[in-house]
Amino acid sequence: MAIIITEECINCGACEPECPNNAIYEGDVTWSIADGTTVAGNFELLDGSTVDAGSEMEAISDELYYIVPDKCTECQGFHEEPQCAAVCPVDCCVPDPEHEESEEILLARKDRLHL
């Protein structure tokens, strides 16, 4: 599963620097696959569409920090647990039931993001 940030978020920002995939963004900030990764060129998103890795994408949340599912690996291959959840003072970084993925899929995504 990818991780999501719930509405209980207090916008403290503790999670953002902990993400090894740069998958966490402040509310209303655009994101791209290339941010904090080694990806260049085309990248296939979870919905099957293809984007240029450097393309700026719309913010997923206007008000709260958010996690881009296409970049989240639950810290597989980096840490034993998701670091956003480990540092969150209000426990609002939780598994996303809409993005259930195996460890194998998460590790493959890590490899695609960090060539």
PDB file of N, CA and C in Angstrom:
ATOM      1  N   MET A   1       0.828  -1.194   0.000  1.00  0.00           N
ATOM      2  CA  MET A   1       0.000   0.000   0.000  1.00  0.00           C
ATOM      3  C   MET A   1       0.860   1.241   0.000  1.00  0.00           C
ATOM      4  N   ALA A   2       0.378   2.246  -0.641  1.00  0.00           N
ATOM      5  CA  ALA A   2       0.979   3.560  -0.491  1.00  0.00           C
ATOM      6  C   ALA A   2       0.470   4.123   0.842  1.00  0.00           C
ATOM      7  N   ILE A   3       1.062   5.194   1.261  1.00  0.00           N
ATOM      8  CA  ILE A   3       0.655   5.855   2.497  1.00  0.00           C
ATOM      9  C   ILE A   3      -0.121   7.119   2.118  1.00  0.00           C
ATOM     10  N   ILE A   4      -1.122   7.467   2.917  1.00  0.00           N
ATOM     11  CA  ILE A   4      -1.845   8.731   2.731  1.00  0.00           C
ATOM     12  C   ILE A   4      -1.722   9.553   4.005  1.00  0.00           C
ATOM     13  N   ILE A   5      -1.960  10.826   3.864  1.00  0.00           N
ATOM     14  CA  ILE A   5      -1.991  11.727   5.010  1.00  0.00           C
ATOM     15  C   ILE A   5      -3.448  12.110   5.220  1.00  0.00           C
ATOM     16  N   THR A   6      -3.955  11.828   6.407  1.00  0.00           N
ATOM     17  CA  THR A   6      -5.363  12.081   6.696  1.00  0.00           C
ATOM     18  C   THR A   6      -5.615  13.542   7.061  1.00  0.00           C
ATOM     19  N   GLU A   7      -6.879  13.877   7.204  1.00  0.00           N
ATOM     20  CA  GLU A   7      -7.279  15.244   7.530  1.00  0.00           C
ATOM     21  C   GLU A   7      -6.859  15.666   8.931  1.00  0.00           C
ATOM     22  N   GLU A   8      -6.354  14.742   9.726  1.00  0.00           N
ATOM     23  CA  GLU A   8      -5.865  15.089  11.055  1.00  0.00           C
ATOM     24  C   GLU A   8      -4.507  15.793  10.990  1.00  0.00           C
ATOM     25  N   CYS A   9      -3.925  15.882   9.803  1.00  0.00           N
ATOM     26  CA  CYS A   9      -2.627  16.523   9.613  1.00  0.00           C
ATOM     27  C   CYS A   9      -2.644  17.948  10.162  1.00  0.00           C
ATOM     28  N   ILE A  10      -1.588  18.294  10.891  1.00  0.00           N
ATOM     29  CA  ILE A  10      -1.469  19.643  11.456  1.00  0.00           C
ATOM     30  C   ILE A  10      -0.492  20.506  10.654  1.00  0.00           C
ATOM     31  N   ASN A  11      -0.087  20.008   9.492  1.00  0.00           N
ATOM     32  CA  ASN A  11       0.827  20.738   8.599  1.00  0.00           C
ATOM     33  C   ASN A  11       2.149  21.107   9.257  1.00  0.00           C
ATOM     34  N   CYS A  12       2.668  20.209  10.074  1.00  0.00           N
ATOM     35  CA  CYS A  12       3.941  20.494  10.748  1.00  0.00           C
ATOM     36  C   CYS A  12       5.132  20.313   9.817  1.00  0.00           C
ATOM     37  N   GLY A  13       4.980  19.487   8.773  1.00  0.00           N
ATOM     38  CA  GLY A  13       6.050  19.286   7.805  1.00  0.00           C
ATOM     39  C   GLY A  13       7.122  18.297   8.219  1.00  0.00           C
ATOM     40  N   ALA A  14       6.963  17.619   9.353  1.00  0.00           N
ATOM     41  CA  ALA A  14       7.979  16.670   9.816  1.00  0.00           C
ATOM     42  C   ALA A  14       8.197  15.528   8.829  1.00  0.00           C
ATOM     43  N   CYS A  15       7.172  15.142   8.113  1.00  0.00           N
ATOM     44  CA  CYS A  15       7.240  14.001   7.207  1.00  0.00           C
ATOM     45  C   CYS A  15       8.031  14.281   5.929  1.00  0.00           C
ATOM     46  N   GLU A  16       7.891  15.475   5.401  1.00  0.00           N
ATOM     47  CA  GLU A  16       8.439  15.790   4.077  1.00  0.00           C
ATOM     48  C   GLU A  16       9.926  15.470   3.919  1.00  0.00           C
ATOM     49  N   PRO A  17      10.801  15.924   4.803  1.00  0.00           N
ATOM     50  CA  PRO A  17      12.231  15.640   4.597  1.00  0.00           C
ATOM     51  C   PRO A  17      12.618  14.181   4.851  1.00  0.00           C
ATOM     52  N   GLU A  18      11.743  13.410   5.447  1.00  0.00           N
ATOM     53  CA  GLU A  18      12.045  12.014   5.754  1.00  0.00           C
ATOM     54  C   GLU A  18      11.829  11.074   4.572  1.00  0.00           C
ATOM     55  N   CYS A  19      11.102  11.513   3.560  1.00  0.00           N
ATOM     56  CA  CYS A  19      10.734  10.636   2.442  1.00  0.00           C
ATOM     57  C   CYS A  19      11.911  10.437   1.484  1.00  0.00           C
ATOM     58  N   PRO A  20      12.382   9.200   1.312  1.00  0.00           N
ATOM     59  CA  PRO A  20      13.507   8.948   0.407  1.00  0.00           C
ATOM     60  C   PRO A  20      13.149   9.084  -1.076  1.00  0.00           C
ATOM     61  N   ASN A  21      11.863   9.160  -1.377  1.00  0.00           N
ATOM     62  CA  ASN A  21      11.409   9.273  -2.761  1.00  0.00           C
ATOM     63  C   ASN A  21      10.917  10.675  -3.116  1.00  0.00           C
ATOM     64  N   ASN A  22      10.993  11.593  -2.172  1.00  0.00           N
ATOM     65  CA  ASN A  22      10.446  12.928  -2.362  1.00  0.00           C
ATOM     66  C   ASN A  22       9.003  12.838  -2.854  1.00  0.00           C
ATOM     67  N   ALA A  23       8.213  11.986  -2.185  1.00  0.00           N
ATOM     68  CA  ALA A  23       6.818  11.772  -2.555  1.00  0.00           C
ATOM     69  C   ALA A  23       5.860  12.629  -1.740  1.00  0.00           C
ATOM     70  N   ILE A  24       6.367  13.391  -0.780  1.00  0.00           N
ATOM     71  CA  ILE A  24       5.520  14.195   0.099  1.00  0.00           C
ATOM     72  C   ILE A  24       5.682  15.671  -0.251  1.00  0.00           C
ATOM     73  N   TYR A  25       4.544  16.332  -0.408  1.00  0.00           N
ATOM     74  CA  TYR A  25       4.528  17.735  -0.796  1.00  0.00           C
ATOM     75  C   TYR A  25       3.599  18.530   0.115  1.00  0.00           C
ATOM     76  N   GLU A  26       3.940  19.787   0.299  1.00  0.00           N
ATOM     77  CA  GLU A  26       3.072  20.694   1.043  1.00  0.00           C
ATOM     78  C   GLU A  26       1.822  20.964   0.213  1.00  0.00           C
ATOM     79  N   GLY A  27       0.717  21.188   0.884  1.00  0.00           N
ATOM     80  CA  GLY A  27      -0.534  21.476   0.191  1.00  0.00           C
ATOM     81  C   GLY A  27      -0.392  22.594  -0.820  1.00  0.00           C
ATOM     82  N   ASP A  28      -1.048  22.431  -1.959  1.00  0.00           N
ATOM     83  CA  ASP A  28      -1.096  23.393  -3.047  1.00  0.00           C
ATOM     84  C   ASP A  28       0.235  23.550  -3.788  1.00  0.00           C
ATOM     85  N   VAL A  29       1.178  22.638  -3.590  1.00  0.00           N
ATOM     86  CA  VAL A  29       2.455  22.657  -4.301  1.00  0.00           C
ATOM     87  C   VAL A  29       2.407  21.592  -5.396  1.00  0.00           C
ATOM     88  N   THR A  30       2.806  21.964  -6.603  1.00  0.00           N
ATOM     89  CA  THR A  30       2.827  21.001  -7.706  1.00  0.00           C
ATOM     90  C   THR A  30       3.941  19.982  -7.476  1.00  0.00           C
ATOM     91  N   TRP A  31       3.831  18.842  -8.166  1.00  0.00           N
ATOM     92  CA  TRP A  31       4.818  17.784  -8.024  1.00  0.00           C
ATOM     93  C   TRP A  31       5.207  17.243  -9.396  1.00  0.00           C
ATOM     94  N   SER A  32       6.326  16.533  -9.425  1.00  0.00           N
ATOM     95  CA  SER A  32       6.717  15.808 -10.637  1.00  0.00           C
ATOM     96  C   SER A  32       7.431  14.527 -10.222  1.00  0.00           C
ATOM     97  N   ILE A  33       7.438  13.571 -11.097  1.00  0.00           N
ATOM     98  CA  ILE A  33       8.133  12.307 -10.845  1.00  0.00           C
ATOM     99  C   ILE A  33       9.623  12.573 -10.657  1.00  0.00           C
ATOM    100  N   ALA A  34      10.181  13.502 -11.406  1.00  0.00           N
ATOM    101  CA  ALA A  34      11.618  13.773 -11.365  1.00  0.00           C
ATOM    102  C   ALA A  34      12.092  14.385 -10.049  1.00  0.00           C
ATOM    103  N   ASP A  35      11.197  15.034  -9.312  1.00  0.00           N
ATOM    104  CA  ASP A  35      11.593  15.655  -8.045  1.00  0.00           C
ATOM    105  C   ASP A  35      12.235  14.621  -7.124  1.00  0.00           C
ATOM    106  N   GLY A  36      13.512  14.798  -6.818  1.00  0.00           N
ATOM    107  CA  GLY A  36      14.193  13.926  -5.864  1.00  0.00           C
ATOM    108  C   GLY A  36      14.470  12.519  -6.340  1.00  0.00           C
ATOM    109  N   THR A  37      14.308  12.264  -7.633  1.00  0.00           N
ATOM    110  CA  THR A  37      14.585  10.936  -8.187  1.00  0.00           C
ATOM    111  C   THR A  37      15.569  11.073  -9.342  1.00  0.00           C
ATOM    112  N   THR A  38      15.941   9.956  -9.926  1.00  0.00           N
ATOM    113  CA  THR A  38      16.832   9.986 -11.089  1.00  0.00           C
ATOM    114  C   THR A  38      16.080   9.737 -12.391  1.00  0.00           C
ATOM    115  N   VAL A  39      14.767   9.797 -12.357  1.00  0.00           N
ATOM    116  CA  VAL A  39      13.955   9.503 -13.533  1.00  0.00           C
ATOM    117  C   VAL A  39      13.983  10.669 -14.513  1.00  0.00           C
ATOM    118  N   ALA A  40      14.128  10.325 -15.776  1.00  0.00           N
ATOM    119  CA  ALA A  40      14.031  11.294 -16.866  1.00  0.00           C
ATOM    120  C   ALA A  40      13.218  10.648 -17.977  1.00  0.00           C
ATOM    121  N   GLY A  41      12.647  11.465 -18.830  1.00  0.00           N
ATOM    122  CA  GLY A  41      11.867  10.918 -19.940  1.00  0.00           C
ATOM    123  C   GLY A  41      10.478  10.517 -19.491  1.00  0.00           C
ATOM    124  N   ASN A  42       9.898   9.548 -20.195  1.00  0.00           N
ATOM    125  CA  ASN A  42       8.535   9.118 -19.915  1.00  0.00           C
ATOM    126  C   ASN A  42       8.467   8.192 -18.705  1.00  0.00           C
ATOM    127  N   PHE A  43       7.360   8.306 -17.966  1.00  0.00           N
ATOM    128  CA  PHE A  43       7.139   7.485 -16.780  1.00  0.00           C
ATOM    129  C   PHE A  43       5.670   7.095 -16.764  1.00  0.00           C
ATOM    130  N   GLU A  44       5.395   5.797 -16.576  1.00  0.00           N
ATOM    131  CA  GLU A  44       4.012   5.329 -16.525  1.00  0.00           C
ATOM    132  C   GLU A  44       3.477   5.438 -15.103  1.00  0.00           C
ATOM    133  N   LEU A  45       2.349   6.147 -14.976  1.00  0.00           N
ATOM    134  CA  LEU A  45       1.709   6.327 -13.682  1.00  0.00           C
ATOM    135  C   LEU A  45       0.829   5.125 -13.343  1.00  0.00           C
ATOM    136  N   LEU A  46       0.371   5.054 -12.108  1.00  0.00           N
ATOM    137  CA  LEU A  46      -0.461   3.946 -11.648  1.00  0.00           C
ATOM    138  C   LEU A  46      -1.740   3.793 -12.455  1.00  0.00           C
ATOM    139  N   ASP A  47      -2.264   4.899 -12.981  1.00  0.00           N
ATOM    140  CA  ASP A  47      -3.508   4.829 -13.754  1.00  0.00           C
ATOM    141  C   ASP A  47      -3.275   4.383 -15.203  1.00  0.00           C
ATOM    142  N   GLY A  48      -2.015   4.093 -15.554  1.00  0.00           N
ATOM    143  CA  GLY A  48      -1.689   3.627 -16.897  1.00  0.00           C
ATOM    144  C   GLY A  48      -1.296   4.733 -17.857  1.00  0.00           C
ATOM    145  N   SER A  49      -1.495   5.973 -17.470  1.00  0.00           N
ATOM    146  CA  SER A  49      -1.104   7.081 -18.346  1.00  0.00           C
ATOM    147  C   SER A  49       0.406   7.287 -18.261  1.00  0.00           C
ATOM    148  N   THR A  50       0.946   7.923 -19.282  1.00  0.00           N
ATOM    149  CA  THR A  50       2.379   8.200 -19.339  1.00  0.00           C
ATOM    150  C   THR A  50       2.591   9.710 -19.310  1.00  0.00           C
ATOM    151  N   VAL A  51       3.548  10.135 -18.483  1.00  0.00           N
ATOM    152  CA  VAL A  51       3.876  11.554 -18.383  1.00  0.00           C
ATOM    153  C   VAL A  51       5.377  11.725 -18.519  1.00  0.00           C
ATOM    154  N   ASP A  52       5.793  12.914 -18.896  1.00  0.00           N
ATOM    155  CA  ASP A  52       7.211  13.242 -18.858  1.00  0.00           C
ATOM    156  C   ASP A  52       7.573  13.403 -17.386  1.00  0.00           C
ATOM    157  N   ALA A  53       8.654  12.791 -16.960  1.00  0.00           N
ATOM    158  CA  ALA A  53       9.037  12.802 -15.542  1.00  0.00           C
ATOM    159  C   ALA A  53       9.185  14.212 -14.991  1.00  0.00           C
ATOM    160  N   GLY A  54       9.553  15.162 -15.818  1.00  0.00           N
ATOM    161  CA  GLY A  54       9.735  16.529 -15.357  1.00  0.00           C
ATOM    162  C   GLY A  54       8.481  17.383 -15.394  1.00  0.00           C
ATOM    163  N   SER A  55       7.395  16.836 -15.920  1.00  0.00           N
ATOM    164  CA  SER A  55       6.153  17.605 -16.006  1.00  0.00           C
ATOM    165  C   SER A  55       5.611  17.930 -14.626  1.00  0.00           C
ATOM    166  N   GLU A  56       5.198  19.175 -14.454  1.00  0.00           N
ATOM    167  CA  GLU A  56       4.570  19.562 -13.194  1.00  0.00           C
ATOM    168  C   GLU A  56       3.128  19.086 -13.193  1.00  0.00           C
ATOM    169  N   MET A  57       2.762  18.400 -12.121  1.00  0.00           N
ATOM    170  CA  MET A  57       1.419  17.863 -11.968  1.00  0.00           C
ATOM    171  C   MET A  57       0.694  18.681 -10.902  1.00  0.00           C
ATOM    172  N   GLU A  58      -0.631  18.705 -10.989  1.00  0.00           N
ATOM    173  CA  GLU A  58      -1.427  19.450 -10.014  1.00  0.00           C
ATOM    174  C   GLU A  58      -1.270  18.871  -8.621  1.00  0.00           C
ATOM    175  N   ALA A  59      -1.350  19.737  -7.629  1.00  0.00           N
ATOM    176  CA  ALA A  59      -1.305  19.303  -6.236  1.00  0.00           C
ATOM    177  C   ALA A  59      -2.484  18.380  -5.957  1.00  0.00           C
ATOM    178  N   ILE A  60      -2.261  17.356  -5.168  1.00  0.00           N
ATOM    179  CA  ILE A  60      -3.312  16.418  -4.793  1.00  0.00           C
ATOM    180  C   ILE A  60      -4.192  17.012  -3.693  1.00  0.00           C
ATOM    181  N   SER A  61      -3.624  17.870  -2.876  1.00  0.00           N
ATOM    182  CA  SER A  61      -4.363  18.557  -1.816  1.00  0.00           C
ATOM    183  C   SER A  61      -4.029  20.036  -1.855  1.00  0.00           C
ATOM    184  N   ASP A  62      -5.031  20.858  -1.637  1.00  0.00           N
ATOM    185  CA  ASP A  62      -4.818  22.307  -1.611  1.00  0.00           C
ATOM    186  C   ASP A  62      -4.424  22.813  -0.233  1.00  0.00           C
ATOM    187  N   GLU A  63      -4.773  22.055   0.815  1.00  0.00           N
ATOM    188  CA  GLU A  63      -4.607  22.563   2.168  1.00  0.00           C
ATOM    189  C   GLU A  63      -3.591  21.807   3.016  1.00  0.00           C
ATOM    190  N   LEU A  64      -3.507  20.495   2.830  1.00  0.00           N
ATOM    191  CA  LEU A  64      -2.672  19.660   3.695  1.00  0.00           C
ATOM    192  C   LEU A  64      -1.499  19.066   2.926  1.00  0.00           C
ATOM    193  N   TYR A  65      -0.475  18.665   3.659  1.00  0.00           N
ATOM    194  CA  TYR A  65       0.591  17.886   3.042  1.00  0.00           C
ATOM    195  C   TYR A  65      -0.044  16.653   2.415  1.00  0.00           C
ATOM    196  N   TYR A  66       0.557  16.157   1.341  1.00  0.00           N
ATOM    197  CA  TYR A  66       0.014  14.974   0.675  1.00  0.00           C
ATOM    198  C   TYR A  66       1.154  14.110   0.158  1.00  0.00           C
ATOM    199  N   ILE A  67       0.822  12.844  -0.108  1.00  0.00           N
ATOM    200  CA  ILE A  67       1.788  11.868  -0.621  1.00  0.00           C
ATOM    201  C   ILE A  67       1.351  11.451  -2.019  1.00  0.00           C
ATOM    202  N   VAL A  68       2.259  11.487  -2.970  1.00  0.00           N
ATOM    203  CA  VAL A  68       1.973  11.069  -4.344  1.00  0.00           C
ATOM    204  C   VAL A  68       2.082   9.543  -4.402  1.00  0.00           C
ATOM    205  N   PRO A  69       0.968   8.836  -4.637  1.00  0.00           N
ATOM    206  CA  PRO A  69       1.002   7.368  -4.668  1.00  0.00           C
ATOM    207  C   PRO A  69       1.972   6.811  -5.710  1.00  0.00           C
ATOM    208  N   ASP A  70       2.138   7.516  -6.819  1.00  0.00           N
ATOM    209  CA  ASP A  70       3.031   7.063  -7.887  1.00  0.00           C
ATOM    210  C   ASP A  70       4.498   7.088  -7.468  1.00  0.00           C
ATOM    211  N   LYS A  71       4.811   7.752  -6.363  1.00  0.00           N
ATOM    212  CA  LYS A  71       6.192   7.837  -5.891  1.00  0.00           C
ATOM    213  C   LYS A  71       6.398   7.129  -4.552  1.00  0.00           C
ATOM    214  N   CYS A  72       5.316   6.790  -3.866  1.00  0.00           N
ATOM    215  CA  CYS A  72       5.430   6.189  -2.531  1.00  0.00           C
ATOM    216  C   CYS A  72       5.799   4.710  -2.623  1.00  0.00           C
ATOM    217  N   THR A  73       6.803   4.330  -1.877  1.00  0.00           N
ATOM    218  CA  THR A  73       7.225   2.922  -1.803  1.00  0.00           C
ATOM    219  C   THR A  73       7.131   2.386  -0.377  1.00  0.00           C
ATOM    220  N   GLU A  74       6.473   3.145   0.504  1.00  0.00           N
ATOM    221  CA  GLU A  74       6.409   2.803   1.924  1.00  0.00           C
ATOM    222  C   GLU A  74       7.814   2.624   2.506  1.00  0.00           C
ATOM    223  N   CYS A  75       8.776   3.258   1.912  1.00  0.00           N
ATOM    224  CA  CYS A  75      10.189   3.206   2.303  1.00  0.00           C
ATOM    225  C   CYS A  75      10.816   1.819   2.109  1.00  0.00           C
ATOM    226  N   GLN A  76      10.155   0.949   1.343  1.00  0.00           N
ATOM    227  CA  GLN A  76      10.719  -0.365   1.051  1.00  0.00           C
ATOM    228  C   GLN A  76      12.068  -0.187   0.361  1.00  0.00           C
ATOM    229  N   GLY A  77      13.057  -0.942   0.817  1.00  0.00           N
ATOM    230  CA  GLY A  77      14.393  -0.853   0.253  1.00  0.00           C
ATOM    231  C   GLY A  77      15.236   0.247   0.872  1.00  0.00           C
ATOM    232  N   PHE A  78      14.629   1.068   1.718  1.00  0.00           N
ATOM    233  CA  PHE A  78      15.344   2.150   2.405  1.00  0.00           C
ATOM    234  C   PHE A  78      15.328   1.951   3.924  1.00  0.00           C
ATOM    235  N   HIS A  79      14.135   1.713   4.471  1.00  0.00           N
ATOM    236  CA  HIS A  79      13.941   1.626   5.917  1.00  0.00           C
ATOM    237  C   HIS A  79      12.996   0.471   6.245  1.00  0.00           C
ATOM    238  N   GLU A  80      12.946   0.095   7.502  1.00  0.00           N
ATOM    239  CA  GLU A  80      12.083  -1.003   7.926  1.00  0.00           C
ATOM    240  C   GLU A  80      10.620  -0.594   8.050  1.00  0.00           C
ATOM    241  N   GLU A  81      10.348   0.700   8.141  1.00  0.00           N
ATOM    242  CA  GLU A  81       8.978   1.195   8.244  1.00  0.00           C
ATOM    243  C   GLU A  81       8.883   2.530   7.524  1.00  0.00           C
ATOM    244  N   PRO A  82       7.671   2.919   7.117  1.00  0.00           N
ATOM    245  CA  PRO A  82       7.509   4.222   6.482  1.00  0.00           C
ATOM    246  C   PRO A  82       7.948   5.341   7.433  1.00  0.00           C
ATOM    247  N   GLN A  83       8.898   6.132   6.984  1.00  0.00           N
ATOM    248  CA  GLN A  83       9.451   7.168   7.845  1.00  0.00           C
ATOM    249  C   GLN A  83       8.480   8.304   8.124  1.00  0.00           C
ATOM    250  N   CYS A  84       7.561   8.573   7.205  1.00  0.00           N
ATOM    251  CA  CYS A  84       6.571   9.619   7.451  1.00  0.00           C
ATOM    252  C   CYS A  84       5.722   9.252   8.665  1.00  0.00           C
ATOM    253  N   ALA A  85       5.307   7.989   8.727  1.00  0.00           N
ATOM    254  CA  ALA A  85       4.500   7.526   9.862  1.00  0.00           C
ATOM    255  C   ALA A  85       5.319   7.526  11.150  1.00  0.00           C
ATOM    256  N   ALA A  86       6.591   7.194  11.048  1.00  0.00           N
ATOM    257  CA  ALA A  86       7.446   7.129  12.234  1.00  0.00           C
ATOM    258  C   ALA A  86       7.645   8.493  12.887  1.00  0.00           C
ATOM    259  N   VAL A  87       7.671   9.570  12.091  1.00  0.00           N
ATOM    260  CA  VAL A  87       7.929  10.897  12.655  1.00  0.00           C
ATOM    261  C   VAL A  87       6.671  11.739  12.862  1.00  0.00           C
ATOM    262  N   CYS A  88       5.543  11.291  12.377  1.00  0.00           N
ATOM    263  CA  CYS A  88       4.311  12.081  12.463  1.00  0.00           C
ATOM    264  C   CYS A  88       3.840  12.201  13.919  1.00  0.00           C
ATOM    265  N   PRO A  89       3.722  13.434  14.423  1.00  0.00           N
ATOM    266  CA  PRO A  89       3.318  13.601  15.819  1.00  0.00           C
ATOM    267  C   PRO A  89       1.842  13.332  16.088  1.00  0.00           C
ATOM    268  N   VAL A  90       1.013  13.263  15.034  1.00  0.00           N
ATOM    269  CA  VAL A  90      -0.420  13.026  15.240  1.00  0.00           C
ATOM    270  C   VAL A  90      -0.909  11.743  14.558  1.00  0.00           C
ATOM    271  N   ASP A  91       0.028  10.903  14.125  1.00  0.00           N
ATOM    272  CA  ASP A  91      -0.299   9.612  13.516  1.00  0.00           C
ATOM    273  C   ASP A  91      -1.301   9.719  12.367  1.00  0.00           C
ATOM    274  N   CYS A  92      -1.069  10.680  11.468  1.00  0.00           N
ATOM    275  CA  CYS A  92      -1.981  10.829  10.334  1.00  0.00           C
ATOM    276  C   CYS A  92      -1.432  10.249   9.036  1.00  0.00           C
ATOM    277  N   CYS A  93      -0.258   9.628   9.067  1.00  0.00           N
ATOM    278  CA  CYS A  93       0.295   8.949   7.890  1.00  0.00           C
ATOM    279  C   CYS A  93      -0.049   7.472   8.029  1.00  0.00           C
ATOM    280  N   VAL A  94      -1.020   7.039   7.230  1.00  0.00           N
ATOM    281  CA  VAL A  94      -1.570   5.692   7.367  1.00  0.00           C
ATOM    282  C   VAL A  94      -1.626   4.996   6.006  1.00  0.00           C
ATOM    283  N   PRO A  95      -1.731   3.658   5.991  1.00  0.00           N
ATOM    284  CA  PRO A  95      -1.850   2.942   4.716  1.00  0.00           C
ATOM    285  C   PRO A  95      -3.084   3.398   3.931  1.00  0.00           C
ATOM    286  N   ASP A  96      -2.907   3.511   2.634  1.00  0.00           N
ATOM    287  CA  ASP A  96      -3.980   3.942   1.735  1.00  0.00           C
ATOM    288  C   ASP A  96      -4.696   2.708   1.190  1.00  0.00           C
ATOM    289  N   PRO A  97      -5.934   2.463   1.630  1.00  0.00           N
ATOM    290  CA  PRO A  97      -6.645   1.261   1.169  1.00  0.00           C
ATOM    291  C   PRO A  97      -6.949   1.265  -0.328  1.00  0.00           C
ATOM    292  N   GLU A  98      -6.853   2.415  -0.974  1.00  0.00           N
ATOM    293  CA  GLU A  98      -7.096   2.490  -2.417  1.00  0.00           C
ATOM    294  C   GLU A  98      -5.869   2.138  -3.239  1.00  0.00           C
ATOM    295  N   HIS A  99      -4.725   1.953  -2.582  1.00  0.00           N
ATOM    296  CA  HIS A  99      -3.482   1.622  -3.288  1.00  0.00           C
ATOM    297  C   HIS A  99      -2.766   0.474  -2.574  1.00  0.00           C
ATOM    298  N   GLU A 100      -3.407  -0.680  -2.538  1.00  0.00           N
ATOM    299  CA  GLU A 100      -2.793  -1.855  -1.928  1.00  0.00           C
ATOM    300  C   GLU A 100      -1.804  -2.460  -2.906  1.00  0.00           C
ATOM    301  N   GLU A 101      -0.553  -2.595  -2.459  1.00  0.00           N
ATOM    302  CA  GLU A 101       0.500  -3.110  -3.324  1.00  0.00           C
ATOM    303  C   GLU A 101       1.402  -4.045  -2.540  1.00  0.00           C
ATOM    304  N   SER A 102       1.935  -5.019  -3.222  1.00  0.00           N
ATOM    305  CA  SER A 102       2.833  -5.975  -2.579  1.00  0.00           C
ATOM    306  C   SER A 102       4.210  -5.360  -2.383  1.00  0.00           C
ATOM    307  N   GLU A 103       4.999  -5.980  -1.527  1.00  0.00           N
ATOM    308  CA  GLU A 103       6.377  -5.543  -1.312  1.00  0.00           C
ATOM    309  C   GLU A 103       7.146  -5.588  -2.630  1.00  0.00           C
ATOM    310  N   GLU A 104       6.876  -6.585  -3.438  1.00  0.00           N
ATOM    311  CA  GLU A 104       7.541  -6.724  -4.737  1.00  0.00           C
ATOM    312  C   GLU A 104       7.264  -5.521  -5.638  1.00  0.00           C
ATOM    313  N   ILE A 105       6.017  -5.076  -5.683  1.00  0.00           N
ATOM    314  CA  ILE A 105       5.651  -3.923  -6.503  1.00  0.00           C
ATOM    315  C   ILE A 105       6.308  -2.653  -5.961  1.00  0.00           C
ATOM    316  N   LEU A 106       6.313  -2.501  -4.644  1.00  0.00           N
ATOM    317  CA  LEU A 106       6.921  -1.321  -4.036  1.00  0.00           C
ATOM    318  C   LEU A 106       8.426  -1.270  -4.305  1.00  0.00           C
ATOM    319  N   LEU A 107       9.096  -2.426  -4.225  1.00  0.00           N
ATOM    320  CA  LEU A 107      10.536  -2.472  -4.505  1.00  0.00           C
ATOM    321  C   LEU A 107      10.823  -2.194  -5.977  1.00  0.00           C
ATOM    322  N   ALA A 108       9.959  -2.672  -6.856  1.00  0.00           N
ATOM    323  CA  ALA A 108      10.119  -2.393  -8.290  1.00  0.00           C
ATOM    324  C   ALA A 108       9.964  -0.899  -8.553  1.00  0.00           C
ATOM    325  N   ARG A 109       9.021  -0.248  -7.867  1.00  0.00           N
ATOM    326  CA  ARG A 109       8.849   1.200  -8.034  1.00  0.00           C
ATOM    327  C   ARG A 109      10.086   1.933  -7.531  1.00  0.00           C
ATOM    328  N   LYS A 110      10.623   1.490  -6.413  1.00  0.00           N
ATOM    329  CA  LYS A 110      11.854   2.097  -5.879  1.00  0.00           C
ATOM    330  C   LYS A 110      12.952   2.021  -6.926  1.00  0.00           C
ATOM    331  N   ASP A 111      13.092   0.864  -7.562  1.00  0.00           N
ATOM    332  CA  ASP A 111      14.126   0.702  -8.585  1.00  0.00           C
ATOM    333  C   ASP A 111      13.884   1.600  -9.790  1.00  0.00           C
ATOM    334  N   ARG A 112      12.620   1.820 -10.159  1.00  0.00           N
ATOM    335  CA  ARG A 112      12.313   2.692 -11.289  1.00  0.00           C
ATOM    336  C   ARG A 112      12.578   4.157 -10.969  1.00  0.00           C
ATOM    337  N   LEU A 113      12.373   4.527  -9.696  1.00  0.00           N
ATOM    338  CA  LEU A 113      12.569   5.925  -9.291  1.00  0.00           C
ATOM    339  C   LEU A 113      14.038   6.274  -9.064  1.00  0.00           C
ATOM    340  N   HIS A 114      14.819   5.257  -8.704  1.00  0.00           N
ATOM    341  CA  HIS A 114      16.227   5.491  -8.358  1.00  0.00           C
ATOM    342  C   HIS A 114      17.117   4.566  -9.176  1.00  0.00           C
ATOM    343  N   LEU A 115      17.336   4.914 -10.433  1.00  0.00           N
ATOM    344  CA  LEU A 115      18.112   4.095 -11.364  1.00  0.00           C
ATOM    345  C   LEU A 115      19.542   3.954 -10.924  1.00  0.00           C
TER     346      LEU A 115
END
